[in-house]
Amino acid sequence: MKKSVTLRLDRFGQEALDEYVQGTGGSRVAVLRTAVSYYLGDADSGRAAWRVPQLAREAKFARTLELELDEELHRRLELEAGRQDATVDLLAAHAVIYYLTDLDTGR
């Protein structure tokens, strides 16, 4: 079963996502799945950028995308969102930016 996630991205995030999708020939859903898995897998990294920053909670959004995740990945995202006192949607958007930033910096 699929669960819906609403990605609210600022202009920078939207442009980064669009460029990545165009460059790889993939889909936004595939990027979301990969980004969430990557982000959750990096939980023990100790990186300051891992937690959802306050700034992300107050961002102005350029676009909203409705995408779906499989139930298990959504459940894992939901658990982490609860630990960070964030919404699933906010954490999903953060995971996408986190992943795309790491790709851009060669991490």
PDB file of N, CA and C in Angstrom:
ATOM      1  N   MET A   1       0.841  -1.183   0.000  1.00  0.00           N
ATOM      2  CA  MET A   1       0.000   0.000   0.000  1.00  0.00           C
ATOM      3  C   MET A   1       0.890   1.253   0.000  1.00  0.00           C
ATOM      4  N   LYS A   2       0.476   2.256  -0.713  1.00  0.00           N
ATOM      5  CA  LYS A   2       1.237   3.503  -0.817  1.00  0.00           C
ATOM      6  C   LYS A   2       0.669   4.541   0.139  1.00  0.00           C
ATOM      7  N   LYS A   3       1.562   5.415   0.625  1.00  0.00           N
ATOM      8  CA  LYS A   3       1.175   6.511   1.512  1.00  0.00           C
ATOM      9  C   LYS A   3       1.612   7.811   0.863  1.00  0.00           C
ATOM     10  N   SER A   4       0.763   8.786   0.934  1.00  0.00           N
ATOM     11  CA  SER A   4       1.030  10.069   0.303  1.00  0.00           C
ATOM     12  C   SER A   4       1.942  10.954   1.158  1.00  0.00           C
ATOM     13  N   VAL A   5       2.818  11.677   0.482  1.00  0.00           N
ATOM     14  CA  VAL A   5       3.708  12.652   1.108  1.00  0.00           C
ATOM     15  C   VAL A   5       3.604  13.923   0.276  1.00  0.00           C
ATOM     16  N   THR A   6       3.480  15.045   0.948  1.00  0.00           N
ATOM     17  CA  THR A   6       3.438  16.324   0.252  1.00  0.00           C
ATOM     18  C   THR A   6       4.767  17.030   0.455  1.00  0.00           C
ATOM     19  N   LEU A   7       5.510  17.172  -0.645  1.00  0.00           N
ATOM     20  CA  LEU A   7       6.788  17.887  -0.591  1.00  0.00           C
ATOM     21  C   LEU A   7       6.529  19.361  -0.830  1.00  0.00           C
ATOM     22  N   ARG A   8       6.927  20.164   0.121  1.00  0.00           N
ATOM     23  CA  ARG A   8       6.850  21.611  -0.032  1.00  0.00           C
ATOM     24  C   ARG A   8       8.288  22.111  -0.098  1.00  0.00           C
ATOM     25  N   LEU A   9       8.664  22.568  -1.279  1.00  0.00           N
ATOM     26  CA  LEU A   9      10.046  22.964  -1.513  1.00  0.00           C
ATOM     27  C   LEU A   9      10.145  24.448  -1.822  1.00  0.00           C
ATOM     28  N   ASP A  10      11.212  25.054  -1.339  1.00  0.00           N
ATOM     29  CA  ASP A  10      11.470  26.438  -1.735  1.00  0.00           C
ATOM     30  C   ASP A  10      12.010  26.415  -3.164  1.00  0.00           C
ATOM     31  N   ARG A  11      12.262  27.582  -3.712  1.00  0.00           N
ATOM     32  CA  ARG A  11      12.697  27.649  -5.105  1.00  0.00           C
ATOM     33  C   ARG A  11      14.016  26.898  -5.322  1.00  0.00           C
ATOM     34  N   PHE A  12      14.956  27.046  -4.408  1.00  0.00           N
ATOM     35  CA  PHE A  12      16.230  26.331  -4.513  1.00  0.00           C
ATOM     36  C   PHE A  12      16.004  24.818  -4.543  1.00  0.00           C
ATOM     37  N   GLY A  13      15.198  24.320  -3.638  1.00  0.00           N
ATOM     38  CA  GLY A  13      14.925  22.886  -3.574  1.00  0.00           C
ATOM     39  C   GLY A  13      14.224  22.380  -4.813  1.00  0.00           C
ATOM     40  N   GLN A  14      13.263  23.151  -5.292  1.00  0.00           N
ATOM     41  CA  GLN A  14      12.540  22.754  -6.492  1.00  0.00           C
ATOM     42  C   GLN A  14      13.469  22.704  -7.708  1.00  0.00           C
ATOM     43  N   GLU A  15      14.317  23.721  -7.847  1.00  0.00           N
ATOM     44  CA  GLU A  15      15.253  23.746  -8.970  1.00  0.00           C
ATOM     45  C   GLU A  15      16.252  22.592  -8.884  1.00  0.00           C
ATOM     46  N   ALA A  16      16.750  22.318  -7.685  1.00  0.00           N
ATOM     47  CA  ALA A  16      17.699  21.209  -7.507  1.00  0.00           C
ATOM     48  C   ALA A  16      17.044  19.873  -7.851  1.00  0.00           C
ATOM     49  N   LEU A  17      15.820  19.687  -7.410  1.00  0.00           N
ATOM     50  CA  LEU A  17      15.100  18.443  -7.709  1.00  0.00           C
ATOM     51  C   LEU A  17      14.861  18.314  -9.211  1.00  0.00           C
ATOM     52  N   ASP A  18      14.373  19.369  -9.838  1.00  0.00           N
ATOM     53  CA  ASP A  18      14.098  19.329 -11.273  1.00  0.00           C
ATOM     54  C   ASP A  18      15.368  19.052 -12.082  1.00  0.00           C
ATOM     55  N   GLU A  19      16.464  19.711 -11.729  1.00  0.00           N
ATOM     56  CA  GLU A  19      17.727  19.493 -12.442  1.00  0.00           C
ATOM     57  C   GLU A  19      18.195  18.048 -12.299  1.00  0.00           C
ATOM     58  N   TYR A  20      18.084  17.512 -11.093  1.00  0.00           N
ATOM     59  CA  TYR A  20      18.519  16.136 -10.862  1.00  0.00           C
ATOM     60  C   TYR A  20      17.658  15.158 -11.663  1.00  0.00           C
ATOM     61  N   VAL A  21      16.345  15.341 -11.628  1.00  0.00           N
ATOM     62  CA  VAL A  21      15.439  14.456 -12.364  1.00  0.00           C
ATOM     63  C   VAL A  21      15.723  14.531 -13.859  1.00  0.00           C
ATOM     64  N   GLN A  22      15.902  15.738 -14.381  1.00  0.00           N
ATOM     65  CA  GLN A  22      16.196  15.898 -15.808  1.00  0.00           C
ATOM     66  C   GLN A  22      17.541  15.272 -16.167  1.00  0.00           C
ATOM     67  N   GLY A  23      18.519  15.463 -15.307  1.00  0.00           N
ATOM     68  CA  GLY A  23      19.860  14.940 -15.579  1.00  0.00           C
ATOM     69  C   GLY A  23      19.965  13.434 -15.513  1.00  0.00           C
ATOM     70  N   THR A  24      19.126  12.815 -14.712  1.00  0.00           N
ATOM     71  CA  THR A  24      19.196  11.361 -14.562  1.00  0.00           C
ATOM     72  C   THR A  24      18.145  10.621 -15.376  1.00  0.00           C
ATOM     73  N   GLY A  25      17.131  11.344 -15.818  1.00  0.00           N
ATOM     74  CA  GLY A  25      16.038  10.689 -16.532  1.00  0.00           C
ATOM     75  C   GLY A  25      15.141   9.890 -15.613  1.00  0.00           C
ATOM     76  N   GLY A  26      15.283  10.122 -14.318  1.00  0.00           N
ATOM     77  CA  GLY A  26      14.476   9.409 -13.330  1.00  0.00           C
ATOM     78  C   GLY A  26      13.147  10.099 -13.086  1.00  0.00           C
ATOM     79  N   SER A  27      12.586   9.849 -11.934  1.00  0.00           N
ATOM     80  CA  SER A  27      11.311  10.464 -11.567  1.00  0.00           C
ATOM     81  C   SER A  27      11.422  11.086 -10.185  1.00  0.00           C
ATOM     82  N   ARG A  28      10.524  11.973  -9.889  1.00  0.00           N
ATOM     83  CA  ARG A  28      10.500  12.597  -8.559  1.00  0.00           C
ATOM     84  C   ARG A  28      10.242  11.562  -7.473  1.00  0.00           C
ATOM     85  N   VAL A  29       9.383  10.608  -7.770  1.00  0.00           N
ATOM     86  CA  VAL A  29       9.082   9.550  -6.791  1.00  0.00           C
ATOM     87  C   VAL A  29      10.335   8.738  -6.500  1.00  0.00           C
ATOM     88  N   ALA A  30      11.096   8.411  -7.525  1.00  0.00           N
ATOM     89  CA  ALA A  30      12.330   7.642  -7.322  1.00  0.00           C
ATOM     90  C   ALA A  30      13.329   8.440  -6.487  1.00  0.00           C
ATOM     91  N   VAL A  31      13.428   9.738  -6.749  1.00  0.00           N
ATOM     92  CA  VAL A  31      14.330  10.582  -5.951  1.00  0.00           C
ATOM     93  C   VAL A  31      13.863  10.613  -4.505  1.00  0.00           C
ATOM     94  N   LEU A  32      12.566  10.762  -4.281  1.00  0.00           N
ATOM     95  CA  LEU A  32      12.037  10.786  -2.914  1.00  0.00           C
ATOM     96  C   LEU A  32      12.364   9.492  -2.185  1.00  0.00           C
ATOM     97  N   ARG A  33      12.120   8.368  -2.803  1.00  0.00           N
ATOM     98  CA  ARG A  33      12.408   7.070  -2.165  1.00  0.00           C
ATOM     99  C   ARG A  33      13.891   6.941  -1.824  1.00  0.00           C
ATOM    100  N   THR A  34      14.725   7.269  -2.785  1.00  0.00           N
ATOM    101  CA  THR A  34      16.167   7.171  -2.568  1.00  0.00           C
ATOM    102  C   THR A  34      16.615   8.142  -1.486  1.00  0.00           C
ATOM    103  N   ALA A  35      16.113   9.358  -1.543  1.00  0.00           N
ATOM    104  CA  ALA A  35      16.507  10.384  -0.575  1.00  0.00           C
ATOM    105  C   ALA A  35      16.097  10.012   0.844  1.00  0.00           C
ATOM    106  N   VAL A  36      14.889   9.517   1.007  1.00  0.00           N
ATOM    107  CA  VAL A  36      14.423   9.136   2.343  1.00  0.00           C
ATOM    108  C   VAL A  36      15.243   7.958   2.874  1.00  0.00           C
ATOM    109  N   SER A  37      15.495   6.968   2.043  1.00  0.00           N
ATOM    110  CA  SER A  37      16.316   5.824   2.466  1.00  0.00           C
ATOM    111  C   SER A  37      17.723   6.271   2.841  1.00  0.00           C
ATOM    112  N   TYR A  38      18.307   7.128   2.013  1.00  0.00           N
ATOM    113  CA  TYR A  38      19.653   7.661   2.276  1.00  0.00           C
ATOM    114  C   TYR A  38      19.670   8.439   3.586  1.00  0.00           C
ATOM    115  N   TYR A  39      18.710   9.314   3.743  1.00  0.00           N
ATOM    116  CA  TYR A  39      18.633  10.154   4.940  1.00  0.00           C
ATOM    117  C   TYR A  39      18.485   9.303   6.205  1.00  0.00           C
ATOM    118  N   LEU A  40      17.557   8.388   6.203  1.00  0.00           N
ATOM    119  CA  LEU A  40      17.349   7.549   7.384  1.00  0.00           C
ATOM    120  C   LEU A  40      18.555   6.662   7.656  1.00  0.00           C
ATOM    121  N   GLY A  41      19.225   6.229   6.610  1.00  0.00           N
ATOM    122  CA  GLY A  41      20.429   5.417   6.763  1.00  0.00           C
ATOM    123  C   GLY A  41      21.604   6.186   7.340  1.00  0.00           C
ATOM    124  N   ASP A  42      21.540   7.501   7.273  1.00  0.00           N
ATOM    125  CA  ASP A  42      22.616   8.370   7.762  1.00  0.00           C
ATOM    126  C   ASP A  42      22.355   8.865   9.190  1.00  0.00           C
ATOM    127  N   ALA A  43      21.380   8.275   9.853  1.00  0.00           N
ATOM    128  CA  ALA A  43      20.947   8.743  11.177  1.00  0.00           C
ATOM    129  C   ALA A  43      22.068   8.786  12.206  1.00  0.00           C
ATOM    130  N   ASP A  44      22.979   7.856  12.159  1.00  0.00           N
ATOM    131  CA  ASP A  44      24.051   7.782  13.151  1.00  0.00           C
ATOM    132  C   ASP A  44      25.309   8.535  12.738  1.00  0.00           C
ATOM    133  N   SER A  45      25.197   9.357  11.715  1.00  0.00           N
ATOM    134  CA  SER A  45      26.379  10.060  11.196  1.00  0.00           C
ATOM    135  C   SER A  45      26.872  11.163  12.127  1.00  0.00           C
ATOM    136  N   GLY A  46      25.988  11.688  12.959  1.00  0.00           N
ATOM    137  CA  GLY A  46      26.379  12.775  13.853  1.00  0.00           C
ATOM    138  C   GLY A  46      26.489  14.129  13.160  1.00  0.00           C
ATOM    139  N   ARG A  47      26.090  14.196  11.906  1.00  0.00           N
ATOM    140  CA  ARG A  47      26.185  15.448  11.154  1.00  0.00           C
ATOM    141  C   ARG A  47      25.145  16.450  11.651  1.00  0.00           C
ATOM    142  N   ALA A  48      25.564  17.680  11.809  1.00  0.00           N
ATOM    143  CA  ALA A  48      24.657  18.741  12.260  1.00  0.00           C
ATOM    144  C   ALA A  48      23.519  18.950  11.257  1.00  0.00           C
ATOM    145  N   ALA A  49      23.800  18.760   9.981  1.00  0.00           N
ATOM    146  CA  ALA A  49      22.801  18.989   8.939  1.00  0.00           C
ATOM    147  C   ALA A  49      21.733  17.900   8.898  1.00  0.00           C
ATOM    148  N   TRP A  50      21.901  16.846   9.689  1.00  0.00           N
ATOM    149  CA  TRP A  50      20.968  15.736   9.615  1.00  0.00           C
ATOM    150  C   TRP A  50      19.591  16.102  10.173  1.00  0.00           C
ATOM    151  N   ARG A  51      19.555  16.811  11.276  1.00  0.00           N
ATOM    152  CA  ARG A  51      18.267  17.188  11.874  1.00  0.00           C
ATOM    153  C   ARG A  51      17.599  18.297  11.064  1.00  0.00           C
ATOM    154  N   VAL A  52      16.288  18.311  11.075  1.00  0.00           N
ATOM    155  CA  VAL A  52      15.544  19.352  10.367  1.00  0.00           C
ATOM    156  C   VAL A  52      15.857  20.697  11.025  1.00  0.00           C
ATOM    157  N   PRO A  53      16.408  21.639  10.275  1.00  0.00           N
ATOM    158  CA  PRO A  53      16.731  22.940  10.863  1.00  0.00           C
ATOM    159  C   PRO A  53      15.478  23.794  11.078  1.00  0.00           C
ATOM    160  N   GLN A  54      15.546  24.683  12.024  1.00  0.00           N
ATOM    161  CA  GLN A  54      14.423  25.584  12.300  1.00  0.00           C
ATOM    162  C   GLN A  54      14.050  26.377  11.052  1.00  0.00           C
ATOM    163  N   LEU A  55      15.048  26.779  10.300  1.00  0.00           N
ATOM    164  CA  LEU A  55      14.820  27.557   9.095  1.00  0.00           C
ATOM    165  C   LEU A  55      13.898  26.826   8.120  1.00  0.00           C
ATOM    166  N   ALA A  56      14.035  25.519   8.020  1.00  0.00           N
ATOM    167  CA  ALA A  56      13.189  24.732   7.117  1.00  0.00           C
ATOM    168  C   ALA A  56      11.734  24.763   7.556  1.00  0.00           C
ATOM    169  N   ARG A  57      11.516  24.904   8.830  1.00  0.00           N
ATOM    170  CA  ARG A  57      10.147  24.945   9.355  1.00  0.00           C
ATOM    171  C   ARG A  57       9.454  26.256   9.015  1.00  0.00           C
ATOM    172  N   GLU A  58      10.246  27.269   8.672  1.00  0.00           N
ATOM    173  CA  GLU A  58       9.702  28.608   8.415  1.00  0.00           C
ATOM    174  C   GLU A  58       9.835  29.030   6.956  1.00  0.00           C
ATOM    175  N   ALA A  59      10.257  28.127   6.089  1.00  0.00           N
ATOM    176  CA  ALA A  59      10.550  28.463   4.690  1.00  0.00           C
ATOM    177  C   ALA A  59       9.292  28.828   3.908  1.00  0.00           C
ATOM    178  N   LYS A  60       9.484  29.637   2.911  1.00  0.00           N
ATOM    179  CA  LYS A  60       8.422  29.962   1.955  1.00  0.00           C
ATOM    180  C   LYS A  60       8.544  28.945   0.814  1.00  0.00           C
ATOM    181  N   PHE A  61       7.428  28.413   0.392  1.00  0.00           N
ATOM    182  CA  PHE A  61       7.451  27.327  -0.574  1.00  0.00           C
ATOM    183  C   PHE A  61       7.118  27.806  -1.976  1.00  0.00           C
ATOM    184  N   ALA A  62       7.902  27.344  -2.932  1.00  0.00           N
ATOM    185  CA  ALA A  62       7.686  27.693  -4.328  1.00  0.00           C
ATOM    186  C   ALA A  62       6.690  26.726  -4.975  1.00  0.00           C
ATOM    187  N   ARG A  63       6.708  25.485  -4.511  1.00  0.00           N
ATOM    188  CA  ARG A  63       5.881  24.472  -5.160  1.00  0.00           C
ATOM    189  C   ARG A  63       5.558  23.351  -4.182  1.00  0.00           C
ATOM    190  N   THR A  64       4.424  22.752  -4.393  1.00  0.00           N
ATOM    191  CA  THR A  64       4.002  21.614  -3.599  1.00  0.00           C
ATOM    192  C   THR A  64       3.823  20.422  -4.533  1.00  0.00           C
ATOM    193  N   LEU A  65       4.427  19.308  -4.169  1.00  0.00           N
ATOM    194  CA  LEU A  65       4.320  18.085  -4.962  1.00  0.00           C
ATOM    195  C   LEU A  65       3.724  16.981  -4.103  1.00  0.00           C
ATOM    196  N   GLU A  66       2.757  16.296  -4.626  1.00  0.00           N
ATOM    197  CA  GLU A  66       2.145  15.161  -3.937  1.00  0.00           C
ATOM    198  C   GLU A  66       2.759  13.887  -4.521  1.00  0.00           C
ATOM    199  N   LEU A  67       3.483  13.141  -3.688  1.00  0.00           N
ATOM    200  CA  LEU A  67       4.152  11.923  -4.130  1.00  0.00           C
ATOM    201  C   LEU A  67       3.804  10.786  -3.174  1.00  0.00           C
ATOM    202  N   GLU A  68       4.114   9.577  -3.581  1.00  0.00           N
ATOM    203  CA  GLU A  68       3.794   8.424  -2.741  1.00  0.00           C
ATOM    204  C   GLU A  68       5.042   7.636  -2.368  1.00  0.00           C
ATOM    205  N   LEU A  69       5.014   7.115  -1.147  1.00  0.00           N
ATOM    206  CA  LEU A  69       6.049   6.216  -0.642  1.00  0.00           C
ATOM    207  C   LEU A  69       5.389   4.893  -0.280  1.00  0.00           C
ATOM    208  N   ASP A  70       6.170   3.825  -0.323  1.00  0.00           N
ATOM    209  CA  ASP A  70       5.612   2.563   0.140  1.00  0.00           C
ATOM    210  C   ASP A  70       5.375   2.663   1.644  1.00  0.00           C
ATOM    211  N   GLU A  71       4.506   1.837   2.141  1.00  0.00           N
ATOM    212  CA  GLU A  71       4.058   1.920   3.530  1.00  0.00           C
ATOM    213  C   GLU A  71       5.201   1.795   4.544  1.00  0.00           C
ATOM    214  N   GLU A  72       6.128   0.876   4.315  1.00  0.00           N
ATOM    215  CA  GLU A  72       7.233   0.653   5.262  1.00  0.00           C
ATOM    216  C   GLU A  72       8.160   1.863   5.338  1.00  0.00           C
ATOM    217  N   LEU A  73       8.522   2.425   4.197  1.00  0.00           N
ATOM    218  CA  LEU A  73       9.391   3.598   4.194  1.00  0.00           C
ATOM    219  C   LEU A  73       8.675   4.792   4.818  1.00  0.00           C
ATOM    220  N   HIS A  74       7.402   4.919   4.550  1.00  0.00           N
ATOM    221  CA  HIS A  74       6.610   5.993   5.160  1.00  0.00           C
ATOM    222  C   HIS A  74       6.564   5.831   6.678  1.00  0.00           C
ATOM    223  N   ARG A  75       6.409   4.602   7.136  1.00  0.00           N
ATOM    224  CA  ARG A  75       6.363   4.337   8.585  1.00  0.00           C
ATOM    225  C   ARG A  75       7.672   4.724   9.248  1.00  0.00           C
ATOM    226  N   ARG A  76       8.794   4.378   8.617  1.00  0.00           N
ATOM    227  CA  ARG A  76      10.108   4.741   9.168  1.00  0.00           C
ATOM    228  C   ARG A  76      10.287   6.256   9.194  1.00  0.00           C
ATOM    229  N   LEU A  77       9.835   6.921   8.149  1.00  0.00           N
ATOM    230  CA  LEU A  77       9.907   8.383   8.089  1.00  0.00           C
ATOM    231  C   LEU A  77       9.024   9.002   9.169  1.00  0.00           C
ATOM    232  N   GLU A  78       7.875   8.427   9.368  1.00  0.00           N
ATOM    233  CA  GLU A  78       6.938   8.897  10.388  1.00  0.00           C
ATOM    234  C   GLU A  78       7.533   8.774  11.801  1.00  0.00           C
ATOM    235  N   LEU A  79       8.208   7.672  12.072  1.00  0.00           N
ATOM    236  CA  LEU A  79       8.846   7.482  13.376  1.00  0.00           C
ATOM    237  C   LEU A  79       9.919   8.542  13.622  1.00  0.00           C
ATOM    238  N   GLU A  80      10.749   8.790  12.609  1.00  0.00           N
ATOM    239  CA  GLU A  80      11.800   9.799  12.764  1.00  0.00           C
ATOM    240  C   GLU A  80      11.203  11.197  12.873  1.00  0.00           C
ATOM    241  N   ALA A  81      10.153  11.461  12.138  1.00  0.00           N
ATOM    242  CA  ALA A  81       9.489  12.761  12.231  1.00  0.00           C
ATOM    243  C   ALA A  81       9.003  12.994  13.661  1.00  0.00           C
ATOM    244  N   GLY A  82       8.468  11.959  14.277  1.00  0.00           N
ATOM    245  CA  GLY A  82       8.032  12.073  15.671  1.00  0.00           C
ATOM    246  C   GLY A  82       9.183  12.372  16.606  1.00  0.00           C
ATOM    247  N   ARG A  83      10.334  11.750  16.376  1.00  0.00           N
ATOM    248  CA  ARG A  83      11.511  12.000  17.209  1.00  0.00           C
ATOM    249  C   ARG A  83      12.005  13.439  17.065  1.00  0.00           C
ATOM    250  N   GLN A  84      11.830  13.999  15.872  1.00  0.00           N
ATOM    251  CA  GLN A  84      12.315  15.363  15.637  1.00  0.00           C
ATOM    252  C   GLN A  84      11.211  16.417  15.804  1.00  0.00           C
ATOM    253  N   ASP A  85      10.046  15.989  16.240  1.00  0.00           N
ATOM    254  CA  ASP A  85       8.914  16.901  16.408  1.00  0.00           C
ATOM    255  C   ASP A  85       8.655  17.676  15.114  1.00  0.00           C
ATOM    256  N   ALA A  86       8.611  16.927  14.024  1.00  0.00           N
ATOM    257  CA  ALA A  86       8.377  17.496  12.697  1.00  0.00           C
ATOM    258  C   ALA A  86       7.257  16.704  12.029  1.00  0.00           C
ATOM    259  N   THR A  87       6.718  17.242  10.968  1.00  0.00           N
ATOM    260  CA  THR A  87       5.735  16.492  10.198  1.00  0.00           C
ATOM    261  C   THR A  87       6.462  15.560   9.233  1.00  0.00           C
ATOM    262  N   VAL A  88       5.775  14.548   8.786  1.00  0.00           N
ATOM    263  CA  VAL A  88       6.329  13.635   7.793  1.00  0.00           C
ATOM    264  C   VAL A  88       6.679  14.409   6.525  1.00  0.00           C
ATOM    265  N   ASP A  89       5.806  15.314   6.135  1.00  0.00           N
ATOM    266  CA  ASP A  89       6.036  16.086   4.916  1.00  0.00           C
ATOM    267  C   ASP A  89       7.288  16.957   5.025  1.00  0.00           C
ATOM    268  N   LEU A  90       7.464  17.609   6.167  1.00  0.00           N
ATOM    269  CA  LEU A  90       8.647  18.451   6.376  1.00  0.00           C
ATOM    270  C   LEU A  90       9.913  17.595   6.359  1.00  0.00           C
ATOM    271  N   LEU A  91       9.880  16.462   7.025  1.00  0.00           N
ATOM    272  CA  LEU A  91      11.061  15.599   7.063  1.00  0.00           C
ATOM    273  C   LEU A  91      11.373  15.020   5.680  1.00  0.00           C
ATOM    274  N   ALA A  92      10.349  14.697   4.916  1.00  0.00           N
ATOM    275  CA  ALA A  92      10.567  14.195   3.557  1.00  0.00           C
ATOM    276  C   ALA A  92      11.245  15.256   2.695  1.00  0.00           C
ATOM    277  N   ALA A  93      10.787  16.494   2.784  1.00  0.00           N
ATOM    278  CA  ALA A  93      11.404  17.581   2.014  1.00  0.00           C
ATOM    279  C   ALA A  93      12.848  17.791   2.463  1.00  0.00           C
ATOM    280  N   HIS A  94      13.088  17.733   3.758  1.00  0.00           N
ATOM    281  CA  HIS A  94      14.446  17.881   4.283  1.00  0.00           C
ATOM    282  C   HIS A  94      15.336  16.745   3.765  1.00  0.00           C
ATOM    283  N   ALA A  95      14.807  15.538   3.740  1.00  0.00           N
ATOM    284  CA  ALA A  95      15.572  14.388   3.251  1.00  0.00           C
ATOM    285  C   ALA A  95      15.965  14.578   1.787  1.00  0.00           C
ATOM    286  N   VAL A  96      15.077  15.118   0.990  1.00  0.00           N
ATOM    287  CA  VAL A  96      15.381  15.358  -0.425  1.00  0.00           C
ATOM    288  C   VAL A  96      16.510  16.377  -0.552  1.00  0.00           C
ATOM    289  N   ILE A  97      16.428  17.469   0.188  1.00  0.00           N
ATOM    290  CA  ILE A  97      17.471  18.506   0.128  1.00  0.00           C
ATOM    291  C   ILE A  97      18.794  17.956   0.663  1.00  0.00           C
ATOM    292  N   TYR A  98      18.742  17.216   1.741  1.00  0.00           N
ATOM    293  CA  TYR A  98      19.923  16.597   2.339  1.00  0.00           C
ATOM    294  C   TYR A  98      20.620  15.699   1.307  1.00  0.00           C
ATOM    295  N   TYR A  99      19.847  14.868   0.645  1.00  0.00           N
ATOM    296  CA  TYR A  99      20.379  13.935  -0.353  1.00  0.00           C
ATOM    297  C   TYR A  99      20.967  14.685  -1.547  1.00  0.00           C
ATOM    298  N   LEU A 100      20.212  15.634  -2.095  1.00  0.00           N
ATOM    299  CA  LEU A 100      20.684  16.360  -3.266  1.00  0.00           C
ATOM    300  C   LEU A 100      21.927  17.193  -2.948  1.00  0.00           C
ATOM    301  N   THR A 101      21.982  17.738  -1.748  1.00  0.00           N
ATOM    302  CA  THR A 101      23.170  18.499  -1.339  1.00  0.00           C
ATOM    303  C   THR A 101      24.384  17.592  -1.252  1.00  0.00           C
ATOM    304  N   ASP A 102      24.218  16.417  -0.690  1.00  0.00           N
ATOM    305  CA  ASP A 102      25.332  15.472  -0.611  1.00  0.00           C
ATOM    306  C   ASP A 102      25.788  15.043  -1.999  1.00  0.00           C
ATOM    307  N   LEU A 103      24.875  14.830  -2.908  1.00  0.00           N
ATOM    308  CA  LEU A 103      25.253  14.487  -4.280  1.00  0.00           C
ATOM    309  C   LEU A 103      26.048  15.636  -4.913  1.00  0.00           C
ATOM    310  N   ASP A 104      25.575  16.838  -4.700  1.00  0.00           N
ATOM    311  CA  ASP A 104      26.220  18.017  -5.296  1.00  0.00           C
ATOM    312  C   ASP A 104      27.617  18.249  -4.751  1.00  0.00           C
ATOM    313  N   THR A 105      27.813  17.911  -3.477  1.00  0.00           N
ATOM    314  CA  THR A 105      29.143  18.122  -2.867  1.00  0.00           C
ATOM    315  C   THR A 105      30.051  16.904  -3.011  1.00  0.00           C
ATOM    316  N   GLY A 106      29.531  15.851  -3.621  1.00  0.00           N
ATOM    317  CA  GLY A 106      30.361  14.670  -3.847  1.00  0.00           C
ATOM    318  C   GLY A 106      30.490  13.757  -2.647  1.00  0.00           C
ATOM    319  N   ARG A 107      29.646  13.914  -1.678  1.00  0.00           N
ATOM    320  CA  ARG A 107      29.711  13.064  -0.481  1.00  0.00           C
ATOM    321  C   ARG A 107      29.293  11.652  -0.787  1.00  0.00           C
TER     322      ARG A 107
END
